[in-house]
């Protein structure tokens, strides 16, 4: 399939679908082919491995999420914390 640059701009989603279906698309400027869009052979994103960091993360304070006590807030505000 050959399309002009202007048509490619206006119909990009349709052109992408055509390429996904195996049809190469050539974009022409003033009738001269300048770009060819083809489907990639492999996905560029690697498959995620779940649990890859298991055992490598160390939790220093298991209560980090709990609110500070009034004394800790005072120390923090005074710069002693």
N, C-alpha and C. Protein backbone atom coordinates (compact mmCIF):
# COMPACT_ATOMS: atom_id res chain seq x y z
N UNK A 1 0.85 -1.16 0.00
CA UNK A 1 0.00 0.00 0.00
C UNK A 1 0.90 1.23 0.00
N UNK A 2 0.60 2.20 -0.83
CA UNK A 2 1.35 3.45 -0.87
C UNK A 2 0.41 4.59 -0.52
N UNK A 3 0.87 5.48 0.37
CA UNK A 3 0.07 6.64 0.76
C UNK A 3 0.97 7.86 0.80
N UNK A 4 0.34 9.03 0.66
CA UNK A 4 1.10 10.28 0.75
C UNK A 4 1.35 10.61 2.21
N UNK A 5 2.24 11.55 2.44
CA UNK A 5 2.55 11.97 3.81
C UNK A 5 1.29 12.52 4.48
N UNK A 6 0.52 13.34 3.76
CA UNK A 6 -0.70 13.92 4.32
C UNK A 6 -1.71 12.84 4.69
N UNK A 7 -1.88 11.84 3.81
CA UNK A 7 -2.80 10.75 4.12
C UNK A 7 -2.31 9.94 5.32
N UNK A 8 -1.01 9.73 5.39
CA UNK A 8 -0.43 8.97 6.51
C UNK A 8 -0.70 9.69 7.82
N UNK A 9 -0.60 11.03 7.81
CA UNK A 9 -0.88 11.80 9.02
C UNK A 9 -2.31 11.63 9.48
N UNK A 10 -3.21 11.64 8.52
CA UNK A 10 -4.64 11.58 8.84
C UNK A 10 -5.14 10.17 9.13
N UNK A 11 -4.43 9.17 8.65
CA UNK A 11 -4.91 7.79 8.77
C UNK A 11 -3.93 6.88 9.50
N UNK A 12 -3.12 7.42 10.37
CA UNK A 12 -2.09 6.62 11.03
C UNK A 12 -2.65 5.39 11.75
N UNK A 13 -3.73 5.51 12.54
CA UNK A 13 -4.24 4.30 13.19
C UNK A 13 -4.64 3.20 12.19
N UNK A 14 -5.24 3.59 11.08
CA UNK A 14 -5.62 2.60 10.07
C UNK A 14 -4.39 1.96 9.43
N UNK A 15 -3.35 2.76 9.19
CA UNK A 15 -2.13 2.23 8.61
C UNK A 15 -1.45 1.25 9.57
N UNK A 16 -1.46 1.58 10.84
CA UNK A 16 -0.86 0.68 11.84
C UNK A 16 -1.60 -0.65 11.85
N UNK A 17 -2.93 -0.62 11.79
CA UNK A 17 -3.71 -1.87 11.75
C UNK A 17 -3.35 -2.69 10.52
N UNK A 18 -3.20 -2.01 9.37
CA UNK A 18 -2.83 -2.72 8.14
C UNK A 18 -1.47 -3.39 8.30
N UNK A 19 -0.52 -2.69 8.90
CA UNK A 19 0.82 -3.25 9.11
C UNK A 19 0.75 -4.43 10.08
N UNK A 20 -0.06 -4.31 11.13
CA UNK A 20 -0.22 -5.41 12.07
C UNK A 20 -0.79 -6.65 11.39
N UNK A 21 -1.58 -6.44 10.35
CA UNK A 21 -2.15 -7.56 9.60
C UNK A 21 -1.21 -8.09 8.53
N UNK A 22 0.02 -7.57 8.48
CA UNK A 22 1.03 -8.10 7.58
C UNK A 22 1.22 -7.34 6.28
N UNK A 23 0.52 -6.23 6.10
CA UNK A 23 0.64 -5.48 4.86
C UNK A 23 1.64 -4.34 5.04
N UNK A 24 2.75 -4.33 4.28
CA UNK A 24 3.69 -3.21 4.40
C UNK A 24 3.08 -1.94 3.81
N UNK A 25 3.40 -0.82 4.43
CA UNK A 25 2.89 0.48 3.98
C UNK A 25 4.07 1.35 3.60
N UNK A 26 3.99 1.97 2.42
CA UNK A 26 5.03 2.87 1.95
C UNK A 26 4.47 4.28 1.94
N UNK A 27 5.19 5.20 2.59
CA UNK A 27 4.77 6.61 2.61
C UNK A 27 5.61 7.35 1.56
N UNK A 28 4.90 8.08 0.70
CA UNK A 28 5.56 8.77 -0.40
C UNK A 28 5.45 10.29 -0.24
N UNK A 29 6.49 10.97 -0.66
CA UNK A 29 6.48 12.43 -0.71
C UNK A 29 6.60 12.80 -2.18
N UNK A 30 5.56 13.45 -2.70
CA UNK A 30 5.48 13.83 -4.13
C UNK A 30 5.70 12.64 -5.05
N UNK A 31 5.11 11.50 -4.65
CA UNK A 31 5.17 10.31 -5.48
C UNK A 31 6.44 9.49 -5.33
N UNK A 32 7.38 9.97 -4.51
CA UNK A 32 8.64 9.25 -4.31
C UNK A 32 8.61 8.56 -2.95
N UNK A 33 8.80 7.23 -2.90
CA UNK A 33 8.80 6.51 -1.61
C UNK A 33 9.92 7.02 -0.70
N UNK A 34 9.56 7.35 0.55
CA UNK A 34 10.56 7.82 1.51
C UNK A 34 10.63 6.96 2.77
N UNK A 35 9.51 6.33 3.12
CA UNK A 35 9.48 5.54 4.36
C UNK A 35 8.64 4.29 4.11
N UNK A 36 9.12 3.18 4.67
CA UNK A 36 8.32 1.97 4.62
C UNK A 36 8.04 1.52 6.05
N UNK A 37 6.78 1.26 6.33
CA UNK A 37 6.40 0.79 7.66
C UNK A 37 6.13 -0.70 7.56
N UNK A 38 6.84 -1.47 8.38
CA UNK A 38 6.65 -2.93 8.40
C UNK A 38 6.51 -3.38 9.85
N UNK A 39 5.90 -4.51 10.03
CA UNK A 39 5.70 -5.07 11.37
C UNK A 39 7.04 -5.53 11.95
N UNK A 40 7.24 -5.31 13.24
CA UNK A 40 8.46 -5.78 13.88
C UNK A 40 8.41 -7.30 14.03
N UNK A 41 9.57 -7.91 14.09
CA UNK A 41 9.64 -9.37 14.18
C UNK A 41 9.39 -9.86 15.61
N UNK A 42 9.96 -9.15 16.58
CA UNK A 42 9.83 -9.55 17.97
C UNK A 42 9.34 -8.36 18.78
N UNK A 43 8.60 -8.60 19.85
CA UNK A 43 8.25 -7.49 20.73
C UNK A 43 9.51 -6.91 21.36
N UNK A 44 9.56 -5.61 21.53
CA UNK A 44 10.75 -4.98 22.08
C UNK A 44 10.81 -5.08 23.60
N UNK A 45 9.70 -5.35 24.23
CA UNK A 45 9.66 -5.43 25.69
C UNK A 45 9.92 -6.86 26.15
N UNK A 46 10.80 -6.99 27.11
CA UNK A 46 11.09 -8.31 27.67
C UNK A 46 9.95 -8.74 28.59
N UNK A 47 9.73 -10.02 28.67
CA UNK A 47 8.71 -10.55 29.55
C UNK A 47 9.14 -10.35 30.99
N UNK A 48 8.20 -9.89 31.80
CA UNK A 48 8.52 -9.65 33.21
C UNK A 48 8.68 -10.95 33.98
N UNK A 49 9.61 -10.94 34.92
CA UNK A 49 9.83 -12.09 35.78
C UNK A 49 9.34 -11.70 37.17
N UNK A 50 8.27 -12.32 37.61
CA UNK A 50 7.72 -11.99 38.91
C UNK A 50 8.58 -12.59 40.01
N UNK A 51 8.81 -11.80 41.05
CA UNK A 51 9.60 -12.26 42.18
C UNK A 51 11.09 -12.18 41.96
N UNK A 52 11.53 -11.40 40.99
CA UNK A 52 12.96 -11.33 40.68
C UNK A 52 13.78 -10.73 41.83
N UNK A 53 13.18 -9.88 42.65
CA UNK A 53 13.92 -9.25 43.77
C UNK A 53 13.64 -9.92 45.12
N UNK A 54 12.97 -11.05 45.09
CA UNK A 54 12.66 -11.74 46.34
C UNK A 54 13.94 -12.06 47.10
N UNK A 55 13.98 -11.67 48.36
CA UNK A 55 15.14 -11.93 49.20
C UNK A 55 16.23 -10.87 49.10
N UNK A 56 16.09 -9.91 48.19
CA UNK A 56 17.11 -8.89 48.02
C UNK A 56 16.72 -7.56 48.66
N UNK A 57 15.48 -7.44 49.09
CA UNK A 57 15.01 -6.20 49.70
C UNK A 57 15.00 -6.39 51.21
N UNK A 58 15.67 -5.47 51.90
CA UNK A 58 15.76 -5.56 53.36
C UNK A 58 14.88 -4.46 53.96
N UNK A 59 13.94 -4.85 54.82
CA UNK A 59 13.08 -3.89 55.51
C UNK A 59 13.74 -3.56 56.84
N UNK A 60 14.21 -2.30 56.96
CA UNK A 60 14.94 -1.89 58.16
C UNK A 60 13.98 -1.64 59.32
N UNK A 61 12.88 -0.95 59.06
CA UNK A 61 11.90 -0.65 60.11
C UNK A 61 10.54 -1.15 59.65
N UNK A 62 10.08 -2.28 60.18
CA UNK A 62 8.80 -2.81 59.73
C UNK A 62 7.61 -1.92 60.09
N UNK A 63 7.80 -0.98 61.01
CA UNK A 63 6.71 -0.08 61.42
C UNK A 63 6.83 1.30 60.78
N UNK A 64 7.48 1.41 59.62
CA UNK A 64 7.72 2.69 58.97
C UNK A 64 6.41 3.41 58.64
N UNK A 65 5.36 2.68 58.44
CA UNK A 65 4.10 3.27 58.00
C UNK A 65 3.26 3.82 59.16
N UNK A 66 3.63 3.52 60.37
CA UNK A 66 2.84 3.98 61.52
C UNK A 66 3.10 5.46 61.78
N UNK A 67 2.10 6.19 62.29
CA UNK A 67 2.29 7.63 62.58
C UNK A 67 3.34 7.83 63.67
N UNK A 68 3.99 9.00 63.62
CA UNK A 68 4.99 9.34 64.64
C UNK A 68 4.30 9.67 65.96
N UNK A 69 5.01 9.41 67.04
CA UNK A 69 4.50 9.81 68.34
C UNK A 69 4.68 11.32 68.48
N UNK A 70 4.02 11.92 69.46
CA UNK A 70 4.15 13.36 69.69
C UNK A 70 5.60 13.74 69.97
N UNK A 71 6.29 12.89 70.72
CA UNK A 71 7.70 13.16 71.04
C UNK A 71 8.56 13.15 69.76
N UNK A 72 8.31 12.20 68.84
CA UNK A 72 9.06 12.13 67.59
C UNK A 72 8.77 13.35 66.72
N UNK A 73 7.52 13.80 66.72
CA UNK A 73 7.16 15.00 65.95
C UNK A 73 7.91 16.21 66.49
N UNK A 74 7.95 16.37 67.82
CA UNK A 74 8.66 17.48 68.43
C UNK A 74 10.14 17.44 68.08
N UNK A 75 10.75 16.25 68.19
CA UNK A 75 12.15 16.10 67.85
C UNK A 75 12.41 16.43 66.38
N UNK A 76 11.50 16.00 65.51
CA UNK A 76 11.65 16.27 64.09
C UNK A 76 11.55 17.77 63.79
N UNK A 77 10.58 18.42 64.40
CA UNK A 77 10.38 19.85 64.15
C UNK A 77 11.51 20.70 64.74
N UNK A 78 12.12 20.23 65.82
CA UNK A 78 13.20 20.99 66.43
C UNK A 78 14.56 20.71 65.78
N UNK A 79 14.61 19.73 64.87
CA UNK A 79 15.86 19.44 64.18
C UNK A 79 16.71 18.43 64.88
N UNK A 80 16.23 17.81 65.95
CA UNK A 80 17.02 16.83 66.69
C UNK A 80 16.86 15.44 66.10
N UNK A 81 15.96 15.23 65.18
CA UNK A 81 15.67 13.89 64.66
C UNK A 81 16.56 13.53 63.53
